[in-house]
Amino acid sequence: MLVTGTEPRQSNLPQCWQDLNDVLSAGIDRVILYGPPGTGKTYAGLRLGVNDAGAWRLVCTEDMTNFDVTGGYMPDKDGFKWSDGAALKAWRGDGITGG
């Protein structure tokens, strides 16, 4: 459900959340929310996201590597092959199962 601006408590949203609403209203179906804990990313994803399309949640911690998040090349029998990390799997997926 998108915020329509007619809901009184939603009219004072910070600019970043207004921008998110604009992106979703424009039909963009893949958005990465990034920021410190407690800033409303999960709430926004669950509240503003399109529920029938699903969502993929990835919680990053300081001990994760770039490879864990985005992916990288792994050796295989013919040399090296790209292996998606969690964020790319989610980006390529259907919102429910990942890529």
N, C-alpha and C. Protein backbone atom coordinates (compact mmCIF):
# COMPACT_ATOMS: atom_id res chain seq x y z
N MET A 1 0.84 -1.18 0.00
CA MET A 1 0.00 0.00 0.00
C MET A 1 0.87 1.23 0.00
N LEU A 2 0.69 2.09 -0.94
CA LEU A 2 1.45 3.32 -1.03
C LEU A 2 0.78 4.41 -0.22
N VAL A 3 1.60 5.32 0.27
CA VAL A 3 1.07 6.46 0.99
C VAL A 3 0.48 7.42 -0.03
N THR A 4 -0.75 7.81 0.18
CA THR A 4 -1.43 8.65 -0.80
C THR A 4 -1.36 10.12 -0.45
N GLY A 5 -0.94 10.45 0.74
CA GLY A 5 -0.91 11.84 1.16
C GLY A 5 -2.21 12.25 1.83
N THR A 6 -3.22 11.40 1.78
CA THR A 6 -4.49 11.73 2.42
C THR A 6 -4.53 11.24 3.85
N GLU A 7 -3.56 10.43 4.23
CA GLU A 7 -3.50 9.95 5.60
C GLU A 7 -2.80 11.00 6.45
N PRO A 8 -3.46 11.55 7.47
CA PRO A 8 -2.90 12.67 8.23
C PRO A 8 -1.55 12.37 8.85
N ARG A 9 -1.34 11.19 9.41
CA ARG A 9 -0.07 10.92 10.07
C ARG A 9 1.07 10.73 9.07
N GLN A 10 0.76 10.51 7.81
CA GLN A 10 1.79 10.31 6.80
C GLN A 10 2.20 11.62 6.13
N SER A 11 1.48 12.69 6.35
CA SER A 11 1.76 13.94 5.64
C SER A 11 3.05 14.60 6.09
N ASN A 12 3.57 14.22 7.24
CA ASN A 12 4.81 14.81 7.74
C ASN A 12 6.00 13.88 7.60
N LEU A 13 5.98 13.02 6.61
CA LEU A 13 7.09 12.10 6.39
C LEU A 13 8.36 12.86 6.05
N PRO A 14 9.52 12.40 6.56
CA PRO A 14 10.79 13.00 6.13
C PRO A 14 10.97 12.83 4.62
N GLN A 15 11.79 13.66 4.03
CA GLN A 15 11.98 13.66 2.58
C GLN A 15 12.38 12.29 2.04
N CYS A 16 13.24 11.56 2.77
CA CYS A 16 13.69 10.25 2.26
C CYS A 16 12.51 9.30 2.08
N TRP A 17 11.52 9.36 2.98
CA TRP A 17 10.36 8.47 2.86
C TRP A 17 9.41 8.97 1.79
N GLN A 18 9.33 10.26 1.59
CA GLN A 18 8.54 10.79 0.48
C GLN A 18 9.16 10.34 -0.85
N ASP A 19 10.51 10.35 -0.90
CA ASP A 19 11.20 9.89 -2.11
C ASP A 19 10.91 8.42 -2.37
N LEU A 20 10.93 7.61 -1.31
CA LEU A 20 10.62 6.19 -1.46
C LEU A 20 9.21 6.00 -2.01
N ASN A 21 8.29 6.74 -1.49
CA ASN A 21 6.91 6.67 -1.99
C ASN A 21 6.84 7.04 -3.47
N ASP A 22 7.58 8.07 -3.87
CA ASP A 22 7.61 8.48 -5.28
C ASP A 22 8.18 7.37 -6.16
N VAL A 23 9.24 6.72 -5.69
CA VAL A 23 9.87 5.63 -6.44
C VAL A 23 8.88 4.49 -6.63
N LEU A 24 8.22 4.09 -5.55
CA LEU A 24 7.26 3.00 -5.63
C LEU A 24 6.07 3.37 -6.51
N SER A 25 5.63 4.62 -6.43
CA SER A 25 4.51 5.08 -7.26
C SER A 25 4.88 5.09 -8.74
N ALA A 26 6.17 5.25 -9.04
CA ALA A 26 6.63 5.27 -10.43
C ALA A 26 6.76 3.87 -11.01
N GLY A 27 6.50 2.85 -10.20
CA GLY A 27 6.54 1.48 -10.70
C GLY A 27 7.89 0.80 -10.58
N ILE A 28 8.84 1.43 -9.92
CA ILE A 28 10.13 0.79 -9.70
C ILE A 28 9.93 -0.27 -8.63
N ASP A 29 10.26 -1.52 -8.96
CA ASP A 29 9.91 -2.61 -8.07
C ASP A 29 11.07 -3.18 -7.26
N ARG A 30 12.25 -2.57 -7.35
CA ARG A 30 13.37 -3.04 -6.55
C ARG A 30 14.06 -1.83 -5.92
N VAL A 31 14.06 -1.81 -4.60
CA VAL A 31 14.62 -0.68 -3.86
C VAL A 31 15.47 -1.24 -2.73
N ILE A 32 16.64 -0.66 -2.54
CA ILE A 32 17.50 -1.03 -1.42
C ILE A 32 17.39 0.07 -0.38
N LEU A 33 17.01 -0.30 0.84
CA LEU A 33 16.94 0.65 1.95
C LEU A 33 18.19 0.44 2.80
N TYR A 34 18.92 1.51 3.04
CA TYR A 34 20.19 1.43 3.75
C TYR A 34 20.21 2.50 4.83
N GLY A 35 20.73 2.15 5.99
CA GLY A 35 20.86 3.14 7.05
C GLY A 35 21.08 2.48 8.39
N PRO A 36 21.31 3.30 9.41
CA PRO A 36 21.57 2.77 10.74
C PRO A 36 20.32 2.13 11.35
N PRO A 37 20.53 1.31 12.37
CA PRO A 37 19.39 0.68 13.03
C PRO A 37 18.41 1.71 13.59
N GLY A 38 17.15 1.34 13.58
CA GLY A 38 16.13 2.18 14.20
C GLY A 38 15.63 3.34 13.37
N THR A 39 15.94 3.35 12.08
CA THR A 39 15.52 4.48 11.25
C THR A 39 14.26 4.19 10.43
N GLY A 40 13.69 3.00 10.59
CA GLY A 40 12.42 2.70 9.94
C GLY A 40 12.50 1.95 8.63
N LYS A 41 13.65 1.36 8.31
CA LYS A 41 13.78 0.66 7.03
C LYS A 41 12.84 -0.54 6.95
N THR A 42 12.83 -1.37 7.97
CA THR A 42 11.96 -2.54 7.96
C THR A 42 10.50 -2.13 7.95
N TYR A 43 10.17 -1.16 8.78
CA TYR A 43 8.79 -0.66 8.82
C TYR A 43 8.36 -0.17 7.44
N ALA A 44 9.21 0.63 6.82
CA ALA A 44 8.87 1.17 5.50
C ALA A 44 8.73 0.05 4.47
N GLY A 45 9.64 -0.91 4.51
CA GLY A 45 9.57 -2.01 3.57
C GLY A 45 8.29 -2.82 3.71
N LEU A 46 7.88 -3.05 4.94
CA LEU A 46 6.66 -3.81 5.17
C LEU A 46 5.40 -2.98 4.96
N ARG A 47 5.46 -1.72 5.30
CA ARG A 47 4.28 -0.84 5.21
C ARG A 47 4.07 -0.31 3.80
N LEU A 48 5.14 0.08 3.13
CA LEU A 48 5.02 0.72 1.83
C LEU A 48 5.23 -0.23 0.67
N GLY A 49 5.83 -1.37 0.94
CA GLY A 49 6.12 -2.32 -0.13
C GLY A 49 4.86 -2.94 -0.69
N VAL A 50 4.98 -3.48 -1.86
CA VAL A 50 3.86 -4.16 -2.49
C VAL A 50 3.82 -5.58 -1.93
N ASN A 51 2.83 -5.87 -1.13
CA ASN A 51 2.78 -7.13 -0.40
C ASN A 51 2.69 -8.36 -1.30
N ASP A 52 1.99 -8.28 -2.41
CA ASP A 52 1.85 -9.46 -3.25
C ASP A 52 3.13 -9.79 -4.02
N ALA A 53 4.06 -8.85 -4.10
CA ALA A 53 5.33 -9.11 -4.77
C ALA A 53 6.36 -9.70 -3.83
N GLY A 54 6.14 -9.61 -2.54
CA GLY A 54 7.08 -10.15 -1.58
C GLY A 54 8.21 -9.19 -1.26
N ALA A 55 9.06 -9.61 -0.37
CA ALA A 55 10.20 -8.79 0.04
C ALA A 55 11.32 -9.72 0.45
N TRP A 56 12.53 -9.23 0.35
CA TRP A 56 13.70 -9.98 0.74
C TRP A 56 14.45 -9.15 1.75
N ARG A 57 14.70 -9.70 2.91
CA ARG A 57 15.39 -8.96 3.96
C ARG A 57 16.81 -9.49 4.12
N LEU A 58 17.76 -8.57 4.12
CA LEU A 58 19.16 -8.91 4.33
C LEU A 58 19.70 -8.00 5.41
N VAL A 59 20.11 -8.58 6.52
CA VAL A 59 20.69 -7.81 7.61
C VAL A 59 22.20 -7.95 7.51
N CYS A 60 22.87 -6.84 7.29
CA CYS A 60 24.33 -6.85 7.17
C CYS A 60 24.97 -6.52 8.51
N THR A 61 26.06 -7.19 8.78
CA THR A 61 26.82 -6.92 10.00
C THR A 61 28.26 -6.59 9.62
N GLU A 62 29.00 -6.08 10.60
CA GLU A 62 30.37 -5.65 10.31
C GLU A 62 31.30 -6.80 9.94
N ASP A 63 30.94 -8.04 10.27
CA ASP A 63 31.81 -9.16 9.92
C ASP A 63 31.52 -9.74 8.54
N MET A 64 30.54 -9.19 7.83
CA MET A 64 30.27 -9.65 6.47
C MET A 64 31.27 -9.03 5.50
N THR A 65 31.61 -9.78 4.49
CA THR A 65 32.52 -9.27 3.46
C THR A 65 31.72 -8.77 2.26
N ASN A 66 32.40 -8.05 1.38
CA ASN A 66 31.75 -7.63 0.13
C ASN A 66 31.25 -8.84 -0.64
N PHE A 67 32.01 -9.92 -0.60
CA PHE A 67 31.62 -11.15 -1.29
C PHE A 67 30.29 -11.67 -0.74
N ASP A 68 30.13 -11.64 0.58
CA ASP A 68 28.87 -12.11 1.19
C ASP A 68 27.67 -11.33 0.68
N VAL A 69 27.86 -10.03 0.47
CA VAL A 69 26.75 -9.16 0.11
C VAL A 69 26.53 -9.13 -1.40
N THR A 70 27.57 -8.80 -2.17
CA THR A 70 27.40 -8.62 -3.61
C THR A 70 27.82 -9.83 -4.43
N GLY A 71 28.76 -10.60 -3.93
CA GLY A 71 29.23 -11.76 -4.67
C GLY A 71 30.65 -11.58 -5.16
N GLY A 72 31.11 -12.53 -5.95
CA GLY A 72 32.46 -12.47 -6.48
C GLY A 72 32.76 -13.71 -7.30
N TYR A 73 33.97 -13.77 -7.77
CA TYR A 73 34.39 -14.91 -8.60
C TYR A 73 34.88 -16.04 -7.73
N MET A 74 34.43 -17.25 -8.07
CA MET A 74 34.84 -18.47 -7.38
C MET A 74 35.53 -19.37 -8.40
N PRO A 75 36.58 -20.06 -7.96
CA PRO A 75 37.23 -21.00 -8.88
C PRO A 75 36.30 -22.16 -9.23
N ASP A 76 36.38 -22.58 -10.48
CA ASP A 76 35.69 -23.79 -10.89
C ASP A 76 36.59 -24.55 -11.86
N LYS A 77 36.12 -25.61 -12.43
CA LYS A 77 36.96 -26.47 -13.26
C LYS A 77 37.50 -25.77 -14.51
N ASP A 78 36.81 -24.71 -14.99
CA ASP A 78 37.24 -24.01 -16.19
C ASP A 78 37.92 -22.68 -15.91
N GLY A 79 38.18 -22.37 -14.67
CA GLY A 79 38.79 -21.10 -14.30
C GLY A 79 38.05 -20.46 -13.15
N PHE A 80 37.29 -19.42 -13.46
CA PHE A 80 36.52 -18.72 -12.43
C PHE A 80 35.10 -18.49 -12.91
N LYS A 81 34.18 -18.53 -11.98
CA LYS A 81 32.77 -18.31 -12.29
C LYS A 81 32.19 -17.35 -11.26
N TRP A 82 31.36 -16.40 -11.72
CA TRP A 82 30.73 -15.44 -10.82
C TRP A 82 29.71 -16.14 -9.93
N SER A 83 29.71 -15.79 -8.66
CA SER A 83 28.74 -16.30 -7.70
C SER A 83 28.06 -15.11 -7.02
N ASP A 84 26.74 -14.98 -7.19
CA ASP A 84 26.01 -13.87 -6.58
C ASP A 84 26.04 -13.96 -5.06
N GLY A 85 26.16 -12.80 -4.42
CA GLY A 85 25.99 -12.71 -2.98
C GLY A 85 24.51 -12.52 -2.65
N ALA A 86 24.22 -12.37 -1.37
CA ALA A 86 22.83 -12.30 -0.92
C ALA A 86 22.06 -11.14 -1.53
N ALA A 87 22.68 -9.97 -1.64
CA ALA A 87 21.97 -8.80 -2.17
C ALA A 87 21.63 -9.00 -3.65
N LEU A 88 22.55 -9.52 -4.43
CA LEU A 88 22.26 -9.75 -5.85
C LEU A 88 21.24 -10.86 -6.05
N LYS A 89 21.29 -11.89 -5.20
CA LYS A 89 20.27 -12.94 -5.29
C LYS A 89 18.89 -12.35 -5.05
N ALA A 90 18.79 -11.49 -4.06
CA ALA A 90 17.50 -10.85 -3.78
C ALA A 90 17.08 -9.95 -4.92
N TRP A 91 18.03 -9.19 -5.47
CA TRP A 91 17.73 -8.25 -6.55
C TRP A 91 17.22 -8.98 -7.79
N ARG A 92 17.83 -10.12 -8.09
CA ARG A 92 17.45 -10.86 -9.29
C ARG A 92 16.20 -11.73 -9.07
N GLY A 93 15.83 -11.94 -7.84
CA GLY A 93 14.74 -12.87 -7.53
C GLY A 93 13.36 -12.27 -7.66
N ASP A 94 12.40 -13.02 -7.18
CA ASP A 94 11.00 -12.61 -7.28
C ASP A 94 10.48 -11.95 -6.02
N GLY A 95 11.36 -11.65 -5.07
CA GLY A 95 10.93 -11.04 -3.83
C GLY A 95 10.54 -12.04 -2.77
N ILE A 96 10.47 -13.29 -3.14
CA ILE A 96 10.07 -14.32 -2.18
C ILE A 96 11.20 -15.31 -1.98
N THR A 97 11.79 -15.77 -3.08
CA THR A 97 12.80 -16.81 -2.97
C THR A 97 14.21 -16.32 -3.28
N GLY A 98 14.38 -15.08 -3.66
CA GLY A 98 15.69 -14.64 -4.11
C GLY A 98 15.93 -15.11 -5.53
N GLY A 99 17.16 -15.00 -5.98
CA GLY A 99 17.47 -15.35 -7.36
C GLY A 99 17.73 -16.79 -7.57
